[in-house]
Amino acid sequence: MNKVGSIILFTIGAVLAGVYVYYFTNWLTPVEMKMAVMQRPIPMKAQEIPPAQKVAFVFDRRYALTEVKVVPLLNGKYNEFTLPSWHLIAHSNSVPTRGFAYGENVRGMIPGAPHAKTYPLEPNVAYRVMVASGKHTAEFDFTAKPAPIFGAEPPPAAAAPAPAPGTAAP
């Protein structure tokens, strides 16, 4: 095979490899950060019951987070000037994580403002969680559900009336 035939064969192979990579792999598509919000009731003593259920945020894979912010929505819309209920930023290299719960300490992250506190979630209020990990970002809207009360005694049942004297009980 001469030099021109080798160049043509190499070019055809490179074009076919490029077409294969473009159409049949996801090497050229940006990675999308996928997040889910889980709300689960946690049994607690009556005096410790928070107003809303515990909320956990879960990702499709491990991410080294750079920022986490939870903001209440006003009439279903985001306002950038609203004070966040919870805000964390990466202090140094945060530890890659697949998820975390609202208000918990995420390793490698500190509050976004000095002496900032985490406000409890209010039931039936819409919130937006915004998460960043390097160039990846994700946002998710959720509504905090009211916390159920476990172990509460049901109301007493009404007693059945006693049968009249001289009649048979049913």
Protein backbone atom coordinates (compact mmCIF):
# COMPACT_ATOMS: atom_id res chain seq x y z
CA MET A 1 0.00 0.00 0.00
CA ASN A 2 1.41 3.37 -0.92
CA LYS A 3 1.63 6.48 1.22
CA VAL A 4 -1.55 8.10 -0.18
CA GLY A 5 -3.61 4.94 0.50
CA SER A 6 -2.38 4.85 4.09
CA ILE A 7 -3.37 8.49 4.64
CA ILE A 8 -6.85 7.91 3.15
CA LEU A 9 -7.37 4.79 5.28
CA PHE A 10 -6.23 6.62 8.43
CA THR A 11 -8.54 9.58 7.65
CA ILE A 12 -11.56 7.29 7.12
CA GLY A 13 -10.81 5.51 10.41
CA ALA A 14 -10.49 8.80 12.29
CA VAL A 15 -13.78 10.09 10.84
CA LEU A 16 -15.59 6.87 11.77
CA ALA A 17 -14.14 7.01 15.29
CA GLY A 18 -15.28 10.63 15.63
CA VAL A 19 -18.79 9.79 14.42
CA TYR A 20 -18.94 6.89 16.90
CA VAL A 21 -17.83 9.09 19.82
CA TYR A 22 -20.30 11.84 18.88
CA TYR A 23 -23.40 9.65 18.41
CA PHE A 24 -22.86 6.64 20.67
CA THR A 25 -21.07 7.94 23.79
CA ASN A 26 -21.70 10.76 26.25
CA TRP A 27 -18.10 11.95 26.34
CA LEU A 28 -18.98 15.29 24.74
CA THR A 29 -22.12 16.06 26.74
CA PRO A 30 -21.84 18.01 30.00
CA VAL A 31 -22.50 16.05 33.17
CA GLU A 32 -25.78 17.05 34.78
CA MET A 33 -25.97 17.15 38.56
CA LYS A 34 -29.08 15.21 39.61
CA MET A 35 -30.62 15.76 43.03
CA ALA A 36 -33.64 14.44 44.91
CA VAL A 37 -35.29 15.65 48.10
CA MET A 38 -36.56 13.11 50.65
CA GLN A 39 -38.78 13.97 53.60
CA ARG A 40 -39.21 11.35 56.29
CA PRO A 41 -40.91 11.48 59.64
CA ILE A 42 -38.61 10.74 62.55
CA PRO A 43 -40.06 9.44 65.82
CA MET A 44 -39.34 11.92 68.63
CA LYS A 45 -40.66 12.79 72.03
CA ALA A 46 -43.60 15.18 72.00
CA GLN A 47 -41.60 18.11 73.43
CA GLU A 48 -38.84 17.69 70.78
CA ILE A 49 -41.06 17.60 67.69
CA PRO A 50 -39.86 20.08 65.06
CA PRO A 51 -42.54 21.92 63.10
CA ALA A 52 -41.58 20.20 59.81
CA GLN A 53 -40.32 16.76 58.82
CA LYS A 54 -36.60 16.13 58.46
CA VAL A 55 -35.44 16.83 54.89
CA ALA A 56 -32.54 15.04 53.18
CA PHE A 57 -30.93 15.91 49.86
CA VAL A 58 -29.50 13.03 47.79
CA PHE A 59 -27.34 13.12 44.65
CA ASP A 60 -26.81 10.62 41.83
CA ARG A 61 -23.08 10.39 42.66
CA ARG A 62 -20.50 11.89 45.03
CA TYR A 63 -19.83 15.62 44.73
CA ALA A 64 -17.33 17.86 46.53
CA LEU A 65 -19.76 20.67 47.32
CA THR A 66 -18.71 24.32 47.17
CA GLU A 67 -22.02 25.94 48.21
CA VAL A 68 -25.39 24.92 49.67
CA LYS A 69 -28.23 27.40 50.08
CA VAL A 70 -31.88 26.90 51.09
CA VAL A 71 -34.16 29.89 50.51
CA PRO A 72 -37.91 30.25 51.12
CA LEU A 73 -39.89 31.06 48.00
CA LEU A 74 -42.28 34.00 48.05
CA ASN A 75 -45.49 33.11 46.19
CA GLY A 76 -43.60 30.32 44.42
CA LYS A 77 -40.93 32.68 43.08
CA TYR A 78 -37.28 33.08 43.99
CA ASN A 79 -36.11 36.45 45.27
CA GLU A 80 -32.34 36.85 45.36
CA PHE A 81 -32.60 39.30 48.27
CA THR A 82 -34.41 36.86 50.59
CA LEU A 83 -32.40 35.81 53.63
CA PRO A 84 -31.48 32.12 53.28
CA SER A 85 -32.77 29.67 55.87
CA TRP A 86 -29.49 27.79 55.62
CA HIS A 87 -26.28 28.68 53.78
CA LEU A 88 -22.95 26.86 53.67
CA ILE A 89 -19.79 27.52 51.67
CA ALA A 90 -16.67 25.41 51.23
CA HIS A 91 -13.99 26.39 53.72
CA SER A 92 -11.31 24.32 52.06
CA ASN A 93 -11.70 21.09 50.17
CA SER A 94 -15.06 19.66 51.12
CA VAL A 95 -15.37 15.89 51.38
CA PRO A 96 -17.26 14.37 48.42
CA THR A 97 -20.74 13.34 49.55
CA ARG A 98 -23.81 11.64 48.08
CA GLY A 99 -26.21 13.50 50.34
CA PHE A 100 -26.86 15.41 53.54
CA ALA A 101 -29.74 16.47 55.77
CA TYR A 102 -31.03 20.00 56.25
CA GLY A 103 -29.16 21.82 58.99
CA GLU A 104 -26.45 19.22 59.50
CA ASN A 105 -22.74 20.00 59.33
CA VAL A 106 -21.29 19.02 55.96
CA ARG A 107 -17.59 18.20 56.32
CA GLY A 108 -15.33 20.89 54.86
CA MET A 109 -18.08 23.53 54.80
CA ILE A 110 -18.79 26.50 57.08
CA PRO A 111 -21.74 28.92 57.41
CA GLY A 112 -21.94 31.46 54.59
CA ALA A 113 -21.85 34.36 57.05
CA PRO A 114 -20.14 34.61 60.43
CA HIS A 115 -22.44 33.58 63.29
CA ALA A 116 -25.20 32.63 60.83
CA LYS A 117 -27.78 30.27 62.22
CA THR A 118 -29.92 27.62 60.62
CA TYR A 119 -33.60 28.46 60.77
CA PRO A 120 -36.05 25.56 61.18
CA LEU A 121 -38.17 24.75 58.16
CA GLU A 122 -41.76 25.89 58.42
CA PRO A 123 -44.45 23.37 57.41
CA ASN A 124 -46.33 23.95 54.15
CA VAL A 125 -43.81 26.57 52.98
CA ALA A 126 -42.09 26.25 49.59
CA TYR A 127 -38.29 26.33 49.55
CA ARG A 128 -35.56 26.17 46.92
CA VAL A 129 -32.30 24.36 47.57
CA MET A 130 -29.37 25.52 45.44
CA VAL A 131 -26.24 23.38 45.39
CA ALA A 132 -22.92 24.01 43.62
CA SER A 133 -19.98 21.70 43.11
CA GLY A 134 -17.30 23.34 41.01
CA LYS A 135 -18.88 23.99 37.61
CA HIS A 136 -21.90 21.77 38.35
CA THR A 137 -25.03 23.34 39.87
CA ALA A 138 -28.49 22.07 40.76
CA GLU A 139 -31.70 23.63 42.05
CA PHE A 140 -34.76 21.89 43.43
CA ASP A 141 -38.02 23.29 44.80
CA PHE A 142 -39.76 21.48 47.65
CA THR A 143 -42.46 22.10 50.24
CA ALA A 144 -41.75 21.18 53.85
CA LYS A 145 -44.35 18.76 55.23
CA PRO A 146 -45.67 19.07 58.79
CA ALA A 147 -44.12 16.66 61.27
CA PRO A 148 -46.52 13.95 62.46
CA ILE A 149 -46.85 13.22 66.15
CA PHE A 150 -45.92 9.61 66.89
CA GLY A 151 -47.15 7.91 70.02
CA ALA A 152 -50.01 10.30 70.58
CA GLU A 153 -52.93 8.53 72.15
CA PRO A 154 -56.02 8.39 69.94
CA PRO A 155 -59.13 10.08 71.33
CA PRO A 156 -61.18 7.78 73.56
CA ALA A 157 -63.91 5.89 71.74
CA ALA A 158 -67.48 6.62 72.76
CA ALA A 159 -68.78 3.89 75.07
CA ALA A 160 -71.66 1.82 73.76
CA PRO A 161 -74.87 2.44 75.65
CA ALA A 162 -75.72 -0.24 78.19
CA PRO A 163 -78.71 -2.43 77.29
CA ALA A 164 -81.94 -1.62 79.09
CA PRO A 165 -82.74 -3.87 82.07
CA GLY A 166 -84.68 -6.95 81.08
CA THR A 167 -83.56 -6.90 77.43
CA ALA A 168 -81.03 -9.21 75.79
CA ALA A 169 -77.73 -7.79 74.71
CA PRO A 170 -77.20 -7.92 70.94
